[in-house]
PDB file of N, CA and C in Angstrom:
ATOM      1  N   MET A   1     118.406  96.279 102.860  1.00  0.00           N
ATOM      2  CA  MET A   1     117.507  97.047 103.703  1.00  0.00           C
ATOM      3  C   MET A   1     118.188  98.326 104.200  1.00  0.00           C
ATOM      4  N   GLU A   2     119.472  98.250 104.463  1.00  0.00           N
ATOM      5  CA  GLU A   2     120.208  99.425 104.919  1.00  0.00           C
ATOM      6  C   GLU A   2     120.187 100.527 103.868  1.00  0.00           C
ATOM      7  N   CYS A   3     120.320 100.143 102.624  1.00  0.00           N
ATOM      8  CA  CYS A   3     120.281 101.107 101.522  1.00  0.00           C
ATOM      9  C   CYS A   3     118.901 101.775 101.439  1.00  0.00           C
ATOM     10  N   ALA A   4     117.855 101.001 101.639  1.00  0.00           N
ATOM     11  CA  ALA A   4     116.496 101.549 101.601  1.00  0.00           C
ATOM     12  C   ALA A   4     116.294 102.555 102.734  1.00  0.00           C
ATOM     13  N   LEU A   5     116.866 102.296 103.897  1.00  0.00           N
ATOM     14  CA  LEU A   5     116.758 103.244 105.013  1.00  0.00           C
ATOM     15  C   LEU A   5     117.510 104.534 104.715  1.00  0.00           C
ATOM     16  N   ASP A   6     118.671 104.418 104.068  1.00  0.00           N
ATOM     17  CA  ASP A   6     119.418 105.615 103.663  1.00  0.00           C
ATOM     18  C   ASP A   6     118.626 106.443 102.668  1.00  0.00           C
ATOM     19  N   VAL A   7     118.004 105.776 101.697  1.00  0.00           N
ATOM     20  CA  VAL A   7     117.182 106.477 100.704  1.00  0.00           C
ATOM     21  C   VAL A   7     116.000 107.156 101.387  1.00  0.00           C
ATOM     22  N   LEU A   8     115.376 106.461 102.329  1.00  0.00           N
ATOM     23  CA  LEU A   8     114.234 107.017 103.053  1.00  0.00           C
ATOM     24  C   LEU A   8     114.635 108.271 103.835  1.00  0.00           C
ATOM     25  N   THR A   9     115.793 108.234 104.476  1.00  0.00           N
ATOM     26  CA  THR A   9     116.290 109.390 105.226  1.00  0.00           C
ATOM     27  C   THR A   9     116.545 110.574 104.303  1.00  0.00           C
ATOM     28  N   ASN A  10     117.218 110.335 103.192  1.00  0.00           N
ATOM     29  CA  ASN A  10     117.498 111.408 102.239  1.00  0.00           C
ATOM     30  C   ASN A  10     116.222 111.947 101.602  1.00  0.00           C
ATOM     31  N   LEU A  11     115.267 111.084 101.362  1.00  0.00           N
ATOM     32  CA  LEU A  11     113.997 111.507 100.784  1.00  0.00           C
ATOM     33  C   LEU A  11     113.236 112.413 101.761  1.00  0.00           C
ATOM     34  N   GLY A  12     113.301 112.071 103.032  1.00  0.00           N
ATOM     35  CA  GLY A  12     112.655 112.893 104.050  1.00  0.00           C
ATOM     36  C   GLY A  12     113.301 114.259 104.178  1.00  0.00           C
ATOM     37  N   ASN A  13     114.613 114.322 104.000  1.00  0.00           N
ATOM     38  CA  ASN A  13     115.332 115.585 104.142  1.00  0.00           C
ATOM     39  C   ASN A  13     115.180 116.491 102.927  1.00  0.00           C
ATOM     40  N   SER A  14     115.314 115.921 101.739  1.00  0.00           N
ATOM     41  CA  SER A  14     115.345 116.766 100.532  1.00  0.00           C
ATOM     42  C   SER A  14     114.078 116.687  99.682  1.00  0.00           C
ATOM     43  N   GLY A  15     113.297 115.627  99.823  1.00  0.00           N
ATOM     44  CA  GLY A  15     112.079 115.486  99.023  1.00  0.00           C
ATOM     45  C   GLY A  15     112.300 114.838  97.670  1.00  0.00           C
ATOM     46  N   LYS A  16     113.571 114.598  97.312  1.00  0.00           N
ATOM     47  CA  LYS A  16     113.875 113.980  96.021  1.00  0.00           C
ATOM     48  C   LYS A  16     115.171 113.186  96.144  1.00  0.00           C
ATOM     49  N   VAL A  17     115.168 111.978  95.595  1.00  0.00           N
ATOM     50  CA  VAL A  17     116.345 111.112  95.620  1.00  0.00           C
ATOM     51  C   VAL A  17     116.520 110.517  94.233  1.00  0.00           C
ATOM     52  N   THR A  18     117.771 110.454  93.777  1.00  0.00           N
ATOM     53  CA  THR A  18     118.082 109.811  92.509  1.00  0.00           C
ATOM     54  C   THR A  18     118.950 108.593  92.767  1.00  0.00           C
ATOM     55  N   LEU A  19     118.455 107.425  92.361  1.00  0.00           N
ATOM     56  CA  LEU A  19     119.225 106.190  92.463  1.00  0.00           C
ATOM     57  C   LEU A  19     119.883 105.926  91.117  1.00  0.00           C
ATOM     58  N   LYS A  20     121.180 105.638  91.134  1.00  0.00           N
ATOM     59  CA  LYS A  20     121.891 105.309  89.905  1.00  0.00           C
ATOM     60  C   LYS A  20     122.578 103.967  90.099  1.00  0.00           C
ATOM     61  N   ALA A  21     122.533 103.130  89.050  1.00  0.00           N
ATOM     62  CA  ALA A  21     123.176 101.820  89.122  1.00  0.00           C
ATOM     63  C   ALA A  21     123.666 101.408  87.746  1.00  0.00           C
ATOM     64  N   LYS A  22     124.687 100.540  87.753  1.00  0.00           N
ATOM     65  CA  LYS A  22     125.247  99.996  86.513  1.00  0.00           C
ATOM     66  C   LYS A  22     125.283  98.475  86.592  1.00  0.00           C
ATOM     67  N   GLY A  23     125.102  97.857  85.443  1.00  0.00           N
ATOM     68  CA  GLY A  23     125.316  96.424  85.291  1.00  0.00           C
ATOM     69  C   GLY A  23     124.538  95.562  86.267  1.00  0.00           C
ATOM     70  N   ASP A  24     125.273  94.725  87.009  1.00  0.00           N
ATOM     71  CA  ASP A  24     124.657  93.750  87.911  1.00  0.00           C
ATOM     72  C   ASP A  24     123.957  94.382  89.112  1.00  0.00           C
ATOM     73  N   LEU A  25     124.177  95.662  89.368  1.00  0.00           N
ATOM     74  CA  LEU A  25     123.551  96.324  90.511  1.00  0.00           C
ATOM     75  C   LEU A  25     122.193  96.939  90.181  1.00  0.00           C
ATOM     76  N   ILE A  26     121.773  96.868  88.927  1.00  0.00           N
ATOM     77  CA  ILE A  26     120.478  97.420  88.526  1.00  0.00           C
ATOM     78  C   ILE A  26     119.312  96.765  89.270  1.00  0.00           C
ATOM     79  N   PRO A  27     119.253  95.430  89.407  1.00  0.00           N
ATOM     80  CA  PRO A  27     118.137  94.836  90.161  1.00  0.00           C
ATOM     81  C   PRO A  27     118.073  95.309  91.610  1.00  0.00           C
ATOM     82  N   THR A  28     119.213  95.592  92.213  1.00  0.00           N
ATOM     83  CA  THR A  28     119.230  96.096  93.586  1.00  0.00           C
ATOM     84  C   THR A  28     118.612  97.487  93.654  1.00  0.00           C
ATOM     85  N   ALA A  29     118.949  98.356  92.704  1.00  0.00           N
ATOM     86  CA  ALA A  29     118.377  99.708  92.677  1.00  0.00           C
ATOM     87  C   ALA A  29     116.864  99.659  92.472  1.00  0.00           C
ATOM     88  N   VAL A  30     116.404  98.778  91.615  1.00  0.00           N
ATOM     89  CA  VAL A  30     114.965  98.632  91.367  1.00  0.00           C
ATOM     90  C   VAL A  30     114.263  98.120  92.630  1.00  0.00           C
ATOM     91  N   ALA A  31     114.876  97.153  93.306  1.00  0.00           N
ATOM     92  CA  ALA A  31     114.296  96.614  94.531  1.00  0.00           C
ATOM     93  C   ALA A  31     114.222  97.684  95.619  1.00  0.00           C
ATOM     94  N   VAL A  32     115.267  98.478  95.764  1.00  0.00           N
ATOM     95  CA  VAL A  32     115.274  99.551  96.764  1.00  0.00           C
ATOM     96  C   VAL A  32     114.182 100.567  96.447  1.00  0.00           C
ATOM     97  N   ALA A  33     114.044 100.949  95.185  1.00  0.00           N
ATOM     98  CA  ALA A  33     112.994 101.892  94.803  1.00  0.00           C
ATOM     99  C   ALA A  33     111.615 101.341  95.128  1.00  0.00           C
ATOM    100  N   ASN A  34     111.395 100.067  94.866  1.00  0.00           N
ATOM    101  CA  ASN A  34     110.105  99.444  95.178  1.00  0.00           C
ATOM    102  C   ASN A  34     109.856  99.366  96.675  1.00  0.00           C
ATOM    103  N   ILE A  35     110.873  99.018  97.440  1.00  0.00           N
ATOM    104  CA  ILE A  35     110.724  98.929  98.901  1.00  0.00           C
ATOM    105  C   ILE A  35     110.352 100.290  99.472  1.00  0.00           C
ATOM    106  N   VAL A  36     111.041 101.329  99.018  1.00  0.00           N
ATOM    107  CA  VAL A  36     110.776 102.669  99.538  1.00  0.00           C
ATOM    108  C   VAL A  36     109.385 103.149  99.147  1.00  0.00           C
ATOM    109  N   THR A  37     109.018 103.022  97.880  1.00  0.00           N
ATOM    110  CA  THR A  37     107.737 103.584  97.425  1.00  0.00           C
ATOM    111  C   THR A  37     106.523 102.746  97.828  1.00  0.00           C
ATOM    112  N   GLU A  38     106.656 101.432  97.833  1.00  0.00           N
ATOM    113  CA  GLU A  38     105.505 100.564  98.097  1.00  0.00           C
ATOM    114  C   GLU A  38     105.365 100.169  99.566  1.00  0.00           C
ATOM    115  N   ASN A  39     106.472  99.956 100.269  1.00  0.00           N
ATOM    116  CA  ASN A  39     106.390  99.443 101.638  1.00  0.00           C
ATOM    117  C   ASN A  39     106.609 100.523 102.694  1.00  0.00           C
ATOM    118  N   MET A  40     107.665 101.294 102.551  1.00  0.00           N
ATOM    119  CA  MET A  40     108.017 102.244 103.607  1.00  0.00           C
ATOM    120  C   MET A  40     107.181 103.519 103.559  1.00  0.00           C
ATOM    121  N   MET A  41     107.019 104.090 102.386  1.00  0.00           N
ATOM    122  CA  MET A  41     106.291 105.361 102.265  1.00  0.00           C
ATOM    123  C   MET A  41     104.792 105.166 102.035  1.00  0.00           C
ATOM    124  N   LYS A  42     104.373 104.010 101.621  1.00  0.00           N
ATOM    125  CA  LYS A  42     102.963 103.638 101.440  1.00  0.00           C
ATOM    126  C   LYS A  42     102.114 104.736 100.783  1.00  0.00           C
ATOM    127  N   GLY A  43     102.510 105.121  99.583  1.00  0.00           N
ATOM    128  CA  GLY A  43     101.731 106.096  98.825  1.00  0.00           C
ATOM    129  C   GLY A  43     102.154 107.538  99.020  1.00  0.00           C
ATOM    130  N   ASN A  44     103.118 107.802  99.895  1.00  0.00           N
ATOM    131  CA  ASN A  44     103.584 109.171 100.113  1.00  0.00           C
ATOM    132  C   ASN A  44     104.799 109.519  99.276  1.00  0.00           C
ATOM    133  N   SER A  45     105.179 108.610  98.392  1.00  0.00           N
ATOM    134  CA  SER A  45     106.286 108.883  97.476  1.00  0.00           C
ATOM    135  C   SER A  45     105.915 108.326  96.108  1.00  0.00           C
ATOM    136  N   LYS A  46     106.654 108.778  95.108  1.00  0.00           N
ATOM    137  CA  LYS A  46     106.334 108.394  93.738  1.00  0.00           C
ATOM    138  C   LYS A  46     107.614 108.281  92.931  1.00  0.00           C
ATOM    139  N   ILE A  47     107.665 107.308  92.038  1.00  0.00           N
ATOM    140  CA  ILE A  47     108.778 107.223  91.105  1.00  0.00           C
ATOM    141  C   ILE A  47     108.473 108.211  89.986  1.00  0.00           C
ATOM    142  N   ARG A  48     109.237 109.289  89.950  1.00  0.00           N
ATOM    143  CA  ARG A  48     108.992 110.384  89.012  1.00  0.00           C
ATOM    144  C   ARG A  48     109.467 110.039  87.605  1.00  0.00           C
ATOM    145  N   ASP A  49     110.646 109.394  87.508  1.00  0.00           N
ATOM    146  CA  ASP A  49     111.211 109.110  86.190  1.00  0.00           C
ATOM    147  C   ASP A  49     112.176 107.942  86.286  1.00  0.00           C
ATOM    148  N   ILE A  50     112.278 107.203  85.201  1.00  0.00           N
ATOM    149  CA  ILE A  50     113.257 106.118  85.067  1.00  0.00           C
ATOM    150  C   ILE A  50     113.952 106.306  83.727  1.00  0.00           C
ATOM    151  N   VAL A  51     115.275 106.374  83.768  1.00  0.00           N
ATOM    152  CA  VAL A  51     116.077 106.531  82.556  1.00  0.00           C
ATOM    153  C   VAL A  51     116.976 105.307  82.423  1.00  0.00           C
ATOM    154  N   VAL A  52     116.821 104.584  81.319  1.00  0.00           N
ATOM    155  CA  VAL A  52     117.650 103.413  81.043  1.00  0.00           C
ATOM    156  C   VAL A  52     118.581 103.760  79.895  1.00  0.00           C
ATOM    157  N   ASP A  53     119.860 103.433  80.055  1.00  0.00           N
ATOM    158  CA  ASP A  53     120.854 103.804  79.062  1.00  0.00           C
ATOM    159  C   ASP A  53     121.972 102.776  79.088  1.00  0.00           C
ATOM    160  N   SER A  54     122.994 103.012  78.310  1.00  0.00           N
ATOM    161  CA  SER A  54     124.193 102.182  78.353  1.00  0.00           C
ATOM    162  C   SER A  54     125.402 103.063  78.090  1.00  0.00           C
ATOM    163  N   GLU A  55     126.547 102.593  78.550  1.00  0.00           N
ATOM    164  CA  GLU A  55     127.786 103.326  78.329  1.00  0.00           C
ATOM    165  C   GLU A  55     128.891 102.329  78.026  1.00  0.00           C
ATOM    166  N   SER A  56     129.928 102.813  77.405  1.00  0.00           N
ATOM    167  CA  SER A  56     131.058 101.953  77.076  1.00  0.00           C
ATOM    168  C   SER A  56     131.896 101.705  78.319  1.00  0.00           C
ATOM    169  N   GLY A  57     132.355 100.492  78.435  1.00  0.00           N
ATOM    170  CA  GLY A  57     133.215 100.139  79.554  1.00  0.00           C
ATOM    171  C   GLY A  57     134.207  99.082  79.130  1.00  0.00           C
ATOM    172  N   LEU A  58     135.208  98.907  79.945  1.00  0.00           N
ATOM    173  CA  LEU A  58     136.205  97.880  79.661  1.00  0.00           C
ATOM    174  C   LEU A  58     135.801  96.591  80.357  1.00  0.00           C
ATOM    175  N   GLY A  59     135.751  95.535  79.603  1.00  0.00           N
ATOM    176  CA  GLY A  59     135.415  94.230  80.139  1.00  0.00           C
ATOM    177  C   GLY A  59     136.511  93.231  79.877  1.00  0.00           C
ATOM    178  N   ARG A  60     136.225  92.015  80.159  1.00  0.00           N
ATOM    179  CA  ARG A  60     137.186  90.933  79.975  1.00  0.00           C
ATOM    180  C   ARG A  60     137.623  90.797  78.527  1.00  0.00           C
ATOM    181  N   TYR A  61     136.710  91.101  77.610  1.00  0.00           N
ATOM    182  CA  TYR A  61     136.987  90.907  76.185  1.00  0.00           C
ATOM    183  C   TYR A  61     137.156  92.224  75.433  1.00  0.00           C
ATOM    184  N   GLY A  62     137.560  93.267  76.111  1.00  0.00           N
ATOM    185  CA  GLY A  62     137.752  94.564  75.465  1.00  0.00           C
ATOM    186  C   GLY A  62     136.633  95.530  75.827  1.00  0.00           C
ATOM    187  N   ILE A  63     136.313  96.409  74.913  1.00  0.00           N
ATOM    188  CA  ILE A  63     135.277  97.411  75.159  1.00  0.00           C
ATOM    189  C   ILE A  63     133.901  96.776  75.008  1.00  0.00           C
ATOM    190  N   THR A  64     133.066  96.952  76.023  1.00  0.00           N
ATOM    191  CA  THR A  64     131.714  96.402  76.013  1.00  0.00           C
ATOM    192  C   THR A  64     130.727  97.497  76.425  1.00  0.00           C
ATOM    193  N   LEU A  65     129.463  97.242  76.213  1.00  0.00           N
ATOM    194  CA  LEU A  65     128.417  98.151  76.673  1.00  0.00           C
ATOM    195  C   LEU A  65     127.960  97.714  78.056  1.00  0.00           C
ATOM    196  N   VAL A  66     127.831  98.672  78.954  1.00  0.00           N
ATOM    197  CA  VAL A  66     127.359  98.415  80.310  1.00  0.00           C
ATOM    198  C   VAL A  66     126.026  99.129  80.477  1.00  0.00           C
ATOM    199  N   SER A  67     124.989  98.399  80.884  1.00  0.00           N
ATOM    200  CA  SER A  67     123.669  98.999  81.096  1.00  0.00           C
ATOM    201  C   SER A  67     123.689  99.887  82.331  1.00  0.00           C
ATOM    202  N   THR A  68     122.927 100.985  82.272  1.00  0.00           N
ATOM    203  CA  THR A  68     122.797 101.887  83.410  1.00  0.00           C
ATOM    204  C   THR A  68     121.321 102.225  83.619  1.00  0.00           C
ATOM    205  N   ILE A  69     120.987 102.607  84.849  1.00  0.00           N
ATOM    206  CA  ILE A  69     119.624 103.040  85.158  1.00  0.00           C
ATOM    207  C   ILE A  69     119.691 104.200  86.143  1.00  0.00           C
ATOM    208  N   LYS A  70     118.758 105.127  86.000  1.00  0.00           N
ATOM    209  CA  LYS A  70     118.612 106.235  86.935  1.00  0.00           C
ATOM    210  C   LYS A  70     117.133 106.290  87.319  1.00  0.00           C
ATOM    211  N   ILE A  71     116.850 106.163  88.610  1.00  0.00           N
ATOM    212  CA  ILE A  71     115.483 106.179  89.119  1.00  0.00           C
ATOM    213  C   ILE A  71     115.332 107.399  90.019  1.00  0.00           C
ATOM    214  N   ILE A  72     114.383 108.267  89.694  1.00  0.00           N
ATOM    215  CA  ILE A  72     114.155 109.469  90.486  1.00  0.00           C
ATOM    216  C   ILE A  72     112.870 109.269  91.309  1.00  0.00           C
ATOM    217  N   ILE A  73     113.024 109.373  92.641  1.00  0.00           N
ATOM    218  CA  ILE A  73     111.911 109.205  93.573  1.00  0.00           C
ATOM    219  C   ILE A  73     111.644 110.552  94.234  1.00  0.00           C
ATOM    220  N   THR A  74     110.374 110.937  94.279  1.00  0.00           N
ATOM    221  CA  THR A  74     110.007 112.195  94.947  1.00  0.00           C
ATOM    222  C   THR A  74     108.972 111.917  96.039  1.00  0.00           C
ATOM    223  N   LYS A  75     108.979 112.774  97.018  1.00  0.00           N
ATOM    224  CA  LYS A  75     108.020 112.711  98.105  1.00  0.00           C
ATOM    225  C   LYS A  75     106.768 113.464  97.674  1.00  0.00           C
ATOM    226  N   THR A  76     105.597 112.907  97.899  1.00  0.00           N
ATOM    227  CA  THR A  76     104.373 113.538  97.418  1.00  0.00           C
ATOM    228  C   THR A  76     103.728 114.441  98.454  1.00  0.00           C
ATOM    229  N   ASN A  77     104.069 114.298  99.709  1.00  0.00           N
ATOM    230  CA  ASN A  77     103.472 115.159 100.758  1.00  0.00           C
ATOM    231  C   ASN A  77     104.465 116.148 101.276  1.00  0.00           C
TER     232      ASN A  77
END
């Protein structure tokens, strides 16, 4: 919830926020985006774009692919 409040504050100040997450933190970024757009802003914000990708990273077994997501939220008013 604290993260959602930070996003809400930044969205109010700049009108646009980009959430970025990797690996196991992707569900948290998606949940924060949903909380902000559906509950807190109630139609006054919009998810402008979602970019899903992967990058190479070092894991327990050598080089692995790590999923990434970028969610761009904009204020509509």
